[in-house]
N, C-alpha and C. Protein backbone atom coordinates (compact mmCIF):
# COMPACT_ATOMS: atom_id res chain seq x y z
N MET A 1 37.34 12.59 11.47
CA MET A 1 37.44 11.51 10.82
C MET A 1 38.76 11.07 10.46
N THR A 2 39.19 9.86 10.74
CA THR A 2 40.54 9.42 10.69
C THR A 2 40.77 8.59 9.23
N LEU A 3 41.95 8.79 8.91
CA LEU A 3 42.40 7.91 7.70
C LEU A 3 42.39 6.58 8.11
N GLU A 4 42.72 6.13 9.22
CA GLU A 4 42.69 4.82 9.78
C GLU A 4 41.25 4.12 9.61
N ARG A 5 40.37 4.82 9.73
CA ARG A 5 38.89 4.31 9.64
C ARG A 5 38.64 4.22 8.15
N TRP A 6 38.97 5.00 7.24
CA TRP A 6 38.96 4.71 5.94
C TRP A 6 39.69 3.46 5.42
N LEU A 7 40.79 3.35 5.90
CA LEU A 7 41.66 2.27 5.54
C LEU A 7 41.10 0.98 5.88
N ARG A 8 40.39 0.93 7.05
CA ARG A 8 39.78 -0.27 7.58
C ARG A 8 38.68 -0.60 6.61
N THR A 9 37.92 0.30 6.18
CA THR A 9 36.90 0.01 5.16
C THR A 9 37.48 -0.57 4.00
N MET A 10 38.49 0.03 3.31
CA MET A 10 39.12 -0.42 2.22
C MET A 10 39.59 -1.93 2.43
N ASP A 11 40.29 -2.04 3.54
CA ASP A 11 40.69 -3.52 3.87
C ASP A 11 39.56 -4.60 3.70
N GLN A 12 38.34 -4.25 4.17
CA GLN A 12 37.29 -5.15 4.20
C GLN A 12 36.96 -5.69 2.70
N PHE A 13 37.27 -4.95 1.87
CA PHE A 13 37.05 -5.19 0.37
C PHE A 13 38.38 -5.60 -0.40
N GLY A 14 39.40 -5.65 0.34
CA GLY A 14 40.76 -5.98 -0.40
C GLY A 14 41.05 -4.94 -1.32
N LEU A 15 40.65 -3.67 -1.03
CA LEU A 15 41.12 -2.56 -2.01
C LEU A 15 42.26 -1.88 -1.45
N GLY A 16 43.02 -1.20 -2.22
CA GLY A 16 44.19 -0.35 -1.91
C GLY A 16 43.92 0.67 -0.86
N ARG A 17 44.87 1.48 -0.60
CA ARG A 17 44.60 2.55 0.50
C ARG A 17 43.75 3.80 -0.09
N ASN A 18 43.88 3.95 -1.36
CA ASN A 18 42.97 4.92 -1.96
C ASN A 18 42.95 6.15 -1.13
N GLU A 19 44.08 6.79 -0.75
CA GLU A 19 44.21 7.92 0.04
C GLU A 19 43.63 9.35 -0.71
N PRO A 20 44.01 9.32 -2.09
CA PRO A 20 43.32 10.25 -2.85
C PRO A 20 41.85 10.53 -2.72
N THR A 21 41.22 9.38 -2.73
CA THR A 21 39.84 9.29 -2.61
C THR A 21 39.26 9.79 -1.14
N TYR A 22 40.06 9.31 -0.12
CA TYR A 22 39.82 9.76 1.13
C TYR A 22 39.87 11.26 1.32
N ASP A 23 41.06 11.85 0.68
CA ASP A 23 41.10 13.26 0.62
C ASP A 23 40.06 13.95 -0.04
N TRP A 24 39.57 13.53 -1.19
CA TRP A 24 38.43 14.00 -1.88
C TRP A 24 37.13 13.98 -0.93
N LEU A 25 36.97 12.92 -0.34
CA LEU A 25 35.74 12.76 0.50
C LEU A 25 35.93 13.79 1.67
N LYS A 26 37.00 13.92 2.16
CA LYS A 26 37.27 14.99 3.27
C LYS A 26 37.02 16.30 2.88
N GLU A 27 37.56 16.65 1.56
CA GLU A 27 37.37 18.11 1.17
C GLU A 27 35.92 18.36 0.86
N ASN A 28 35.22 17.42 0.41
CA ASN A 28 33.89 17.64 0.06
C ASN A 28 33.04 17.74 1.38
N TYR A 29 33.10 16.97 2.26
CA TYR A 29 32.34 16.97 3.43
C TYR A 29 32.74 18.25 4.38
N ARG A 30 33.79 18.72 3.96
CA ARG A 30 34.13 20.00 4.92
C ARG A 30 33.91 21.36 4.15
N GLY A 31 33.04 21.17 3.18
CA GLY A 31 32.59 22.55 2.40
C GLY A 31 32.00 23.48 3.23
N PRO A 32 32.18 24.69 2.86
CA PRO A 32 31.67 25.86 3.63
C PRO A 32 30.20 25.86 4.04
N THR A 33 29.40 25.35 3.18
CA THR A 33 27.96 25.38 3.24
C THR A 33 27.42 24.27 4.11
N ARG A 34 28.38 23.34 4.53
CA ARG A 34 27.79 22.15 5.38
C ARG A 34 27.78 22.36 6.78
N ALA A 35 26.56 22.77 7.37
CA ALA A 35 26.67 22.90 8.77
C ALA A 35 26.30 21.52 9.37
N TYR A 36 25.41 20.69 8.76
CA TYR A 36 25.11 19.32 9.21
C TYR A 36 25.59 18.15 8.39
N HIS A 37 25.39 18.26 7.12
CA HIS A 37 25.85 17.15 6.29
C HIS A 37 27.50 17.15 5.98
N ASN A 38 28.12 16.97 7.03
CA ASN A 38 29.60 17.09 7.07
C ASN A 38 30.24 15.78 7.61
N PHE A 39 31.53 15.93 7.81
CA PHE A 39 32.23 14.65 8.38
C PHE A 39 31.82 14.29 9.74
N GLU A 40 31.24 15.13 10.48
CA GLU A 40 30.80 14.73 11.68
C GLU A 40 29.48 13.84 11.68
N HIS A 41 28.61 14.19 10.67
CA HIS A 41 27.44 13.44 10.46
C HIS A 41 28.02 11.99 9.97
N VAL A 42 28.91 11.93 9.07
CA VAL A 42 29.50 10.74 8.60
C VAL A 42 29.98 9.83 9.76
N GLU A 43 30.74 10.51 10.78
CA GLU A 43 31.31 9.80 11.77
C GLU A 43 30.33 9.32 12.70
N GLU A 44 29.10 10.03 12.98
CA GLU A 44 28.16 9.60 13.92
C GLU A 44 27.48 8.33 13.14
N CYS A 45 27.28 8.30 11.91
CA CYS A 45 26.61 7.25 11.10
C CYS A 45 27.44 6.05 11.29
N LEU A 46 28.79 6.29 11.16
CA LEU A 46 29.66 5.01 11.25
C LEU A 46 29.70 4.37 12.71
N ASP A 47 29.54 5.47 13.66
CA ASP A 47 29.43 5.05 15.13
C ASP A 47 28.33 4.24 15.44
N ARG A 48 27.18 4.80 14.86
CA ARG A 48 25.81 4.00 15.09
C ARG A 48 25.90 2.65 14.54
N LEU A 49 26.50 2.56 13.23
CA LEU A 49 26.62 1.23 12.65
C LEU A 49 27.49 0.34 13.50
N GLU A 50 28.63 0.71 13.96
CA GLU A 50 29.56 -0.03 14.83
C GLU A 50 28.82 -0.36 16.04
N ARG A 51 27.98 0.19 16.74
CA ARG A 51 27.32 -0.18 17.88
C ARG A 51 26.19 -1.12 17.70
N PHE A 52 25.67 -1.09 16.32
CA PHE A 52 24.44 -1.91 16.14
C PHE A 52 24.87 -3.36 16.40
N ASP A 53 23.96 -4.19 17.18
CA ASP A 53 24.35 -5.47 17.50
C ASP A 53 23.68 -6.45 16.73
N GLY A 54 23.03 -6.23 15.51
CA GLY A 54 22.39 -7.25 14.62
C GLY A 54 23.37 -7.95 13.91
N THR A 55 22.78 -9.03 13.21
CA THR A 55 23.72 -9.80 12.37
C THR A 55 24.03 -9.50 10.95
N VAL A 56 23.54 -8.28 10.49
CA VAL A 56 23.74 -7.79 9.11
C VAL A 56 25.15 -7.72 8.94
N ASP A 57 25.61 -7.89 7.63
CA ASP A 57 27.00 -7.75 7.21
C ASP A 57 27.08 -6.12 7.09
N LYS A 58 28.06 -5.67 7.84
CA LYS A 58 28.22 -4.10 7.94
C LYS A 58 29.18 -3.39 6.86
N ALA A 59 29.89 -4.41 6.29
CA ALA A 59 30.96 -3.80 5.25
C ALA A 59 30.38 -2.91 4.20
N GLU A 60 29.30 -3.40 3.46
CA GLU A 60 28.78 -2.68 2.42
C GLU A 60 28.07 -1.42 3.01
N LEU A 61 27.43 -1.39 4.10
CA LEU A 61 26.87 -0.30 4.76
C LEU A 61 27.85 0.70 5.06
N GLU A 62 29.10 0.48 5.70
CA GLU A 62 29.99 1.20 5.86
C GLU A 62 30.50 1.94 4.73
N LEU A 63 30.70 1.19 3.49
CA LEU A 63 31.13 1.90 2.32
C LEU A 63 30.22 2.89 1.91
N ALA A 64 28.85 2.58 1.97
CA ALA A 64 27.81 3.49 1.55
C ALA A 64 27.75 4.71 2.40
N ILE A 65 27.89 4.46 3.87
CA ILE A 65 27.86 5.72 4.77
C ILE A 65 29.01 6.71 4.25
N TRP A 66 30.19 6.20 3.87
CA TRP A 66 31.27 7.08 3.57
C TRP A 66 30.89 8.03 2.40
N PHE A 67 30.12 7.49 1.45
CA PHE A 67 29.73 8.24 0.19
C PHE A 67 28.33 8.98 0.32
N HIS A 68 27.50 8.55 1.28
CA HIS A 68 26.16 8.98 1.14
C HIS A 68 25.68 10.42 0.88
N ASP A 69 26.48 11.22 1.48
CA ASP A 69 26.19 12.66 1.30
C ASP A 69 27.42 13.45 0.77
N VAL A 70 28.30 12.69 0.11
CA VAL A 70 29.56 13.32 -0.46
C VAL A 70 29.20 14.44 -1.45
N ILE A 71 28.21 14.32 -2.12
CA ILE A 71 27.67 15.50 -3.07
C ILE A 71 26.34 16.10 -2.35
N TYR A 72 26.45 17.30 -2.04
CA TYR A 72 25.38 17.91 -1.23
C TYR A 72 25.27 19.37 -1.52
N GLN A 73 24.26 19.84 -2.05
CA GLN A 73 23.75 21.20 -2.15
C GLN A 73 22.25 21.24 -1.55
N SER A 74 22.03 22.16 -0.67
CA SER A 74 20.89 22.06 0.14
C SER A 74 19.59 22.28 -0.71
N LEU A 75 19.75 22.98 -1.88
CA LEU A 75 18.50 23.30 -2.73
C LEU A 75 18.47 22.18 -3.89
N ALA A 76 19.24 21.25 -4.01
CA ALA A 76 19.30 20.38 -5.14
C ALA A 76 18.31 19.17 -4.79
N THR A 77 18.02 18.59 -5.93
CA THR A 77 17.09 17.43 -5.61
C THR A 77 17.64 16.06 -5.93
N ASP A 78 18.92 16.11 -6.36
CA ASP A 78 19.59 14.91 -6.80
C ASP A 78 20.84 14.62 -5.97
N ASN A 79 20.94 15.15 -4.84
CA ASN A 79 22.21 14.75 -3.99
C ASN A 79 22.51 13.24 -3.92
N GLU A 80 21.40 12.63 -3.67
CA GLU A 80 21.70 11.09 -3.30
C GLU A 80 22.05 10.39 -4.49
N LEU A 81 21.51 10.68 -5.71
CA LEU A 81 21.88 10.16 -6.99
C LEU A 81 23.23 10.52 -7.23
N LYS A 82 23.65 11.64 -7.14
CA LYS A 82 25.06 12.00 -7.37
C LYS A 82 26.07 11.37 -6.53
N SER A 83 25.58 11.30 -5.19
CA SER A 83 26.56 10.62 -4.30
C SER A 83 26.57 9.15 -4.62
N ALA A 84 25.57 8.50 -4.83
CA ALA A 84 25.63 7.14 -5.12
C ALA A 84 26.34 6.79 -6.52
N GLN A 85 26.28 7.68 -7.31
CA GLN A 85 27.15 7.42 -8.69
C GLN A 85 28.51 7.70 -8.36
N ALA A 86 28.80 8.59 -7.43
CA ALA A 86 30.23 8.96 -7.00
C ALA A 86 30.91 7.49 -6.49
N ALA A 87 29.99 6.74 -5.78
CA ALA A 87 30.43 5.69 -5.10
C ALA A 87 30.55 4.58 -6.21
N VAL A 88 29.62 4.47 -7.08
CA VAL A 88 29.81 3.49 -8.05
C VAL A 88 31.06 3.72 -9.07
N ASP A 89 31.24 5.05 -9.34
CA ASP A 89 32.52 5.39 -10.20
C ASP A 89 33.87 4.92 -9.51
N PHE A 90 33.85 5.18 -8.07
CA PHE A 90 34.88 4.85 -7.35
C PHE A 90 35.22 3.28 -7.42
N LEU A 91 34.20 2.55 -7.17
CA LEU A 91 34.15 1.11 -7.15
C LEU A 91 34.53 0.47 -8.61
N GLU A 92 34.05 1.21 -9.60
CA GLU A 92 34.43 0.76 -10.83
C GLU A 92 35.83 0.97 -11.27
N SER A 93 36.43 2.07 -10.63
CA SER A 93 37.79 2.39 -10.89
C SER A 93 38.74 1.39 -10.21
N GLN A 94 38.12 0.78 -9.21
CA GLN A 94 38.88 -0.22 -8.36
C GLN A 94 38.62 -1.74 -8.89
N GLU A 95 37.92 -1.76 -9.95
CA GLU A 95 37.52 -2.89 -10.63
C GLU A 95 36.73 -3.92 -9.69
N ALA A 96 35.84 -3.35 -8.76
CA ALA A 96 35.15 -4.10 -7.91
C ALA A 96 33.93 -4.76 -8.61
N SER A 97 33.36 -5.68 -8.14
CA SER A 97 32.21 -6.40 -8.78
C SER A 97 31.10 -5.51 -8.89
N PRO A 98 30.42 -5.67 -10.04
CA PRO A 98 29.26 -4.89 -10.37
C PRO A 98 28.16 -5.04 -9.52
N LEU A 99 27.95 -6.17 -8.82
CA LEU A 99 26.93 -6.54 -7.77
C LEU A 99 27.33 -5.54 -6.52
N LEU A 100 28.44 -5.50 -6.12
CA LEU A 100 28.89 -4.65 -4.96
C LEU A 100 28.44 -3.28 -5.34
N ALA A 101 28.84 -2.74 -6.57
CA ALA A 101 28.49 -1.34 -6.95
C ALA A 101 27.07 -1.14 -6.84
N GLN A 102 26.27 -2.06 -7.28
CA GLN A 102 24.87 -2.00 -7.31
C GLN A 102 24.31 -1.90 -5.91
N ARG A 103 24.72 -2.70 -5.11
CA ARG A 103 24.17 -2.76 -3.77
C ARG A 103 24.59 -1.64 -3.04
N VAL A 104 25.70 -1.11 -3.17
CA VAL A 104 26.14 0.22 -2.44
C VAL A 104 25.19 1.45 -3.02
N PHE A 105 25.17 1.33 -4.40
CA PHE A 105 24.16 2.49 -5.02
C PHE A 105 22.72 2.48 -4.32
N ASP A 106 22.26 1.33 -4.23
CA ASP A 106 20.92 1.15 -3.57
C ASP A 106 20.87 1.62 -2.22
N LEU A 107 21.79 1.30 -1.48
CA LEU A 107 21.90 1.60 -0.23
C LEU A 107 21.90 3.23 -0.05
N ILE A 108 22.64 3.93 -0.85
CA ILE A 108 22.65 5.36 -0.74
C ILE A 108 21.26 5.88 -1.22
N MET A 109 20.84 5.43 -2.29
CA MET A 109 19.52 5.98 -2.73
C MET A 109 18.48 5.72 -1.79
N ALA A 110 18.72 4.81 -0.91
CA ALA A 110 17.49 4.48 0.17
C ALA A 110 17.56 5.70 1.10
N THR A 111 18.51 6.47 1.28
CA THR A 111 18.62 7.62 2.22
C THR A 111 17.85 8.73 1.71
N ILE A 112 17.16 8.61 0.55
CA ILE A 112 16.23 9.62 0.21
C ILE A 112 15.03 9.80 1.07
N HIS A 113 14.75 8.56 1.67
CA HIS A 113 13.65 8.33 2.61
C HIS A 113 12.29 8.65 2.03
N ARG A 114 12.19 8.34 0.73
CA ARG A 114 11.03 8.57 0.07
C ARG A 114 10.09 7.36 0.12
N ASN A 115 10.68 6.08 0.04
CA ASN A 115 10.01 4.85 -0.03
C ASN A 115 10.33 3.97 1.22
N PRO A 116 9.64 3.00 1.60
CA PRO A 116 10.04 2.03 2.58
C PRO A 116 11.28 1.27 2.15
N PRO A 117 11.85 0.74 2.96
CA PRO A 117 13.14 -0.11 2.53
C PRO A 117 12.67 -1.41 2.05
N SER A 118 13.48 -1.88 1.05
CA SER A 118 13.19 -3.13 0.51
C SER A 118 13.92 -4.32 1.05
N ASN A 119 14.82 -4.19 2.06
CA ASN A 119 15.55 -5.10 2.85
C ASN A 119 16.04 -4.66 4.07
N GLU A 120 16.61 -5.51 4.74
CA GLU A 120 17.20 -5.17 6.15
C GLU A 120 18.35 -4.19 6.07
N ARG A 121 19.24 -4.28 5.11
CA ARG A 121 20.31 -3.43 5.13
C ARG A 121 19.68 -2.00 4.73
N GLU A 122 18.94 -1.80 3.87
CA GLU A 122 18.29 -0.47 3.51
C GLU A 122 17.63 0.05 4.82
N ALA A 123 17.06 -0.72 5.38
CA ALA A 123 16.21 -0.30 6.74
C ALA A 123 17.34 0.23 7.76
N LEU A 124 18.31 -0.43 7.86
CA LEU A 124 19.48 -0.05 8.77
C LEU A 124 20.04 1.30 8.33
N ILE A 125 20.50 1.44 7.15
CA ILE A 125 21.16 2.71 6.80
C ILE A 125 20.05 3.93 6.94
N MET A 126 18.86 3.61 6.56
CA MET A 126 18.02 4.66 6.69
C MET A 126 17.64 5.14 8.07
N ASP A 127 17.70 4.09 9.00
CA ASP A 127 17.50 4.48 10.43
C ASP A 127 18.69 5.11 10.95
N ILE A 128 19.94 4.71 10.48
CA ILE A 128 21.22 5.30 10.95
C ILE A 128 21.15 6.68 10.54
N ASP A 129 20.86 7.04 9.32
CA ASP A 129 20.76 8.42 8.70
C ASP A 129 20.02 9.37 9.45
N ILE A 130 18.91 9.03 10.05
CA ILE A 130 17.92 9.97 10.74
C ILE A 130 17.92 9.72 12.14
N ALA A 131 18.91 8.83 12.84
CA ALA A 131 18.87 8.70 14.15
C ALA A 131 19.03 10.06 14.98
N ILE A 132 19.52 10.97 14.45
CA ILE A 132 19.74 12.28 15.00
C ILE A 132 18.25 12.77 15.54
N LEU A 133 17.33 12.43 14.82
CA LEU A 133 15.94 12.75 15.26
C LEU A 133 15.61 12.35 16.68
N GLY A 134 16.39 11.43 17.19
CA GLY A 134 16.04 10.85 18.56
C GLY A 134 16.97 11.15 19.52
N SER A 135 17.71 12.21 19.21
CA SER A 135 18.79 12.62 20.12
C SER A 135 18.33 13.44 21.31
N ASP A 136 19.13 13.60 22.45
CA ASP A 136 18.67 14.44 23.59
C ASP A 136 18.43 15.92 22.99
N GLU A 137 17.89 16.65 24.01
CA GLU A 137 17.39 18.04 23.56
C GLU A 137 18.38 18.99 23.10
N GLN A 138 19.57 19.06 23.65
CA GLN A 138 20.58 19.86 23.35
C GLN A 138 21.04 19.64 22.01
N ARG A 139 21.40 18.30 21.66
CA ARG A 139 21.88 17.77 20.35
C ARG A 139 20.95 18.09 19.27
N TYR A 140 19.65 17.92 19.67
CA TYR A 140 18.57 18.05 18.70
C TYR A 140 18.42 19.49 18.21
N LYS A 141 18.53 20.43 19.13
CA LYS A 141 18.45 21.82 18.90
C LYS A 141 19.65 22.31 18.21
N LYS A 142 20.96 21.65 18.24
CA LYS A 142 22.02 21.95 17.43
C LYS A 142 21.82 21.55 16.04
N TYR A 143 21.20 20.49 15.91
CA TYR A 143 20.82 19.77 14.63
C TYR A 143 19.85 20.83 13.73
N CYS A 144 18.80 21.32 14.51
CA CYS A 144 17.97 22.13 13.96
C CYS A 144 18.62 23.48 13.41
N HIS A 145 19.41 23.86 14.28
CA HIS A 145 20.18 25.22 13.86
C HIS A 145 20.92 24.89 12.72
N ALA A 146 21.66 23.74 12.60
CA ALA A 146 22.55 23.47 11.52
C ALA A 146 21.79 23.21 10.16
N ILE A 147 20.65 22.75 10.18
CA ILE A 147 19.73 22.58 9.03
C ILE A 147 19.42 23.93 8.46
N ARG A 148 18.93 24.92 9.56
CA ARG A 148 18.46 26.07 9.10
C ARG A 148 19.77 26.89 8.40
N GLU A 149 20.80 26.63 9.01
CA GLU A 149 22.07 27.19 8.37
C GLU A 149 22.40 26.96 6.93
N GLU A 150 22.16 25.56 6.69
CA GLU A 150 22.36 25.08 5.27
C GLU A 150 21.26 25.67 4.32
N TYR A 151 20.11 25.97 4.96
CA TYR A 151 19.02 26.55 4.12
C TYR A 151 18.91 28.09 4.27
N LYS A 152 20.03 28.61 4.75
CA LYS A 152 19.78 30.13 5.06
C LYS A 152 19.55 31.04 3.86
N VAL A 153 19.70 30.51 2.69
CA VAL A 153 19.19 31.41 1.61
C VAL A 153 17.87 31.29 1.23
N VAL A 154 17.08 30.58 2.04
CA VAL A 154 15.55 30.45 1.78
C VAL A 154 14.99 31.30 2.95
N PRO A 155 14.12 32.23 2.32
CA PRO A 155 13.41 33.30 3.26
C PRO A 155 12.86 32.47 4.50
N TRP A 156 12.80 33.12 5.75
CA TRP A 156 12.51 32.32 6.84
C TRP A 156 11.13 31.83 6.88
N GLU A 157 10.05 32.83 6.41
CA GLU A 157 8.68 32.30 6.35
C GLU A 157 8.48 30.98 5.45
N LEU A 158 9.13 30.84 4.32
CA LEU A 158 9.12 29.82 3.31
C LEU A 158 9.88 28.60 4.09
N TYR A 159 10.99 28.88 4.73
CA TYR A 159 11.55 27.73 5.50
C TYR A 159 10.68 27.18 6.39
N LYS A 160 10.12 27.95 7.37
CA LYS A 160 9.25 27.38 8.51
C LYS A 160 8.16 26.48 7.75
N SER A 161 7.41 26.94 6.77
CA SER A 161 6.41 26.46 6.28
C SER A 161 6.88 24.85 5.58
N SER A 162 7.99 24.95 4.81
CA SER A 162 8.49 23.78 4.23
C SER A 162 9.13 22.82 5.33
N ARG A 163 9.66 23.26 6.31
CA ARG A 163 10.31 22.56 7.35
C ARG A 163 9.08 21.76 8.10
N ARG A 164 7.91 22.44 8.54
CA ARG A 164 6.88 22.01 9.08
C ARG A 164 6.35 20.87 8.30
N GLU A 165 6.22 21.04 7.17
CA GLU A 165 5.44 19.99 6.06
C GLU A 165 6.31 18.85 6.09
N LEU A 166 7.54 18.92 6.01
CA LEU A 166 8.48 17.78 6.04
C LEU A 166 8.37 17.07 7.42
N LEU A 167 8.29 17.64 8.62
CA LEU A 167 8.16 17.07 9.72
C LEU A 167 6.93 16.37 10.05
N LEU A 168 5.84 17.00 9.50
CA LEU A 168 4.62 16.48 9.54
C LEU A 168 4.55 15.13 8.78
N LYS A 169 5.07 15.07 7.66
CA LYS A 169 5.14 13.85 6.87
C LYS A 169 5.87 12.70 7.65
N PHE A 170 6.92 13.00 8.22
CA PHE A 170 7.58 12.03 9.18
C PHE A 170 6.67 11.55 10.31
N LEU A 171 5.81 12.37 10.96
CA LEU A 171 5.15 11.98 11.97
C LEU A 171 3.97 11.29 11.66
N GLN A 172 3.51 11.38 10.40
CA GLN A 172 2.33 10.69 9.84
C GLN A 172 2.73 9.15 9.41
N ARG A 173 3.93 8.97 9.57
CA ARG A 173 4.34 7.43 9.27
C ARG A 173 4.03 6.58 10.40
N ASP A 174 3.66 5.44 10.22
CA ASP A 174 3.41 4.43 11.18
C ASP A 174 4.66 4.35 12.14
N ARG A 175 5.74 4.43 11.63
CA ARG A 175 7.11 4.22 12.42
C ARG A 175 8.23 5.30 11.69
N LEU A 176 8.90 5.78 12.47
CA LEU A 176 9.97 6.50 11.93
C LEU A 176 11.17 5.67 11.65
N PHE A 177 11.32 4.76 12.48
CA PHE A 177 12.42 3.79 12.40
C PHE A 177 11.98 2.33 11.94
N TYR A 178 12.62 1.74 11.01
CA TYR A 178 12.23 0.61 10.51
C TYR A 178 12.68 -0.77 11.23
N THR A 179 13.86 -0.41 11.76
CA THR A 179 14.53 -1.63 12.45
C THR A 179 13.98 -1.58 14.04
N ASP A 180 13.72 -2.79 14.55
CA ASP A 180 13.47 -2.98 15.97
C ASP A 180 14.51 -2.17 16.86
N TYR A 181 15.63 -2.39 16.56
CA TYR A 181 16.89 -1.94 17.30
C TYR A 181 16.66 -0.44 17.57
N PHE A 182 16.50 0.40 16.43
CA PHE A 182 16.32 1.84 16.62
C PHE A 182 15.06 2.22 17.08
N PHE A 183 14.00 1.54 16.53
CA PHE A 183 12.62 1.81 16.96
C PHE A 183 12.54 1.79 18.51
N GLU A 184 13.10 0.76 19.13
CA GLU A 184 12.92 0.79 20.60
C GLU A 184 13.74 1.73 21.30
N ARG A 185 14.72 2.12 20.70
CA ARG A 185 15.67 3.14 21.46
C ARG A 185 15.44 4.69 21.21
N LEU A 186 14.77 4.77 19.99
CA LEU A 186 14.63 6.23 19.60
C LEU A 186 13.23 6.77 19.16
N GLU A 187 12.31 5.92 18.76
CA GLU A 187 11.14 6.29 18.31
C GLU A 187 10.36 7.28 19.08
N SER A 188 10.14 7.04 20.41
CA SER A 188 9.55 7.95 21.25
C SER A 188 10.07 9.36 21.34
N LYS A 189 11.42 9.34 21.54
CA LYS A 189 12.06 10.56 21.74
C LYS A 189 12.16 11.33 20.34
N ALA A 190 12.23 10.76 19.35
CA ALA A 190 12.21 11.38 18.10
C ALA A 190 10.85 11.94 17.62
N ARG A 191 9.75 11.30 18.04
CA ARG A 191 8.46 11.88 17.82
C ARG A 191 8.14 13.11 18.70
N LYS A 192 8.66 13.00 19.85
CA LYS A 192 8.64 14.16 20.75
C LYS A 192 9.33 15.37 20.22
N ASN A 193 10.54 15.11 19.73
CA ASN A 193 11.45 16.26 19.18
C ASN A 193 10.72 16.78 17.93
N LEU A 194 10.28 15.96 17.06
CA LEU A 194 9.57 16.61 15.94
C LEU A 194 8.38 17.41 16.32
N ALA A 195 7.61 16.82 17.13
CA ALA A 195 6.31 17.65 17.67
C ALA A 195 6.79 18.94 18.20
N GLU A 196 7.76 18.98 19.04
CA GLU A 196 8.13 20.24 19.70
C GLU A 196 8.60 21.23 18.55
N GLU A 197 9.53 20.81 17.67
CA GLU A 197 10.11 21.55 16.78
C GLU A 197 8.86 22.20 15.86
N ILE A 198 7.96 21.41 15.51
CA ILE A 198 6.68 21.91 14.64
C ILE A 198 6.00 23.04 15.45
N GLU A 199 5.86 22.88 16.74
CA GLU A 199 5.22 23.88 17.61
C GLU A 199 6.15 25.19 17.63
N GLU A 200 7.41 24.99 17.85
CA GLU A 200 8.29 26.15 17.89
C GLU A 200 8.29 26.95 16.54
N LEU A 201 8.17 26.11 15.37
CA LEU A 201 8.16 26.84 14.19
C LEU A 201 6.78 27.55 13.97
N LYS A 202 5.75 27.16 14.50
CA LYS A 202 4.43 27.83 14.46
C LYS A 202 4.53 29.16 15.02
N GLU A 203 5.23 29.14 16.33
CA GLU A 203 5.23 30.24 17.17
C GLU A 203 6.38 31.17 16.81
N ALA A 204 7.24 30.82 15.96
CA ALA A 204 8.44 31.67 15.61
C ALA A 204 7.99 32.86 14.72
């Protein structure tokens, strides 16, 4: 992840360079327990947003992506809330508009993936966040290994049952991806990946 990319995001909002914030983001995303929720994930999300050819304004989404996993502990249940609040604190320190802060907060909270999106921007960030599910076989296996590494403190049998339960909830949804863009490109492959992982966990 380059400083230049961060500066480009700042420029879109007329903010200063804010290099200390960039350094703080970098330090957090490079934490020793982050096998998946790290700078590589953020960069992949930014790349997916950049390739998206829809008409949605990408600036707020880009800012939300930078912060969306900045606070992360695998067993915590409030990672998104703390990450969203970190984004709000940053924007308030820059005297950004309360409306911008609220919109970025809402975008980050959408990545909990608990409820359907309430607008196109939320649908897009949710799809971008889980696009890894529709990756090729080698990349998906690397992702599975990384997730297990982040939860290595959880006993294997408990991890298997919890992971299967989560994957089944995803498969039971009418759609994994809410935007047509990601649905058309990744839905079929993602469902195949999830089903195969469930079977592998059963046999492990």
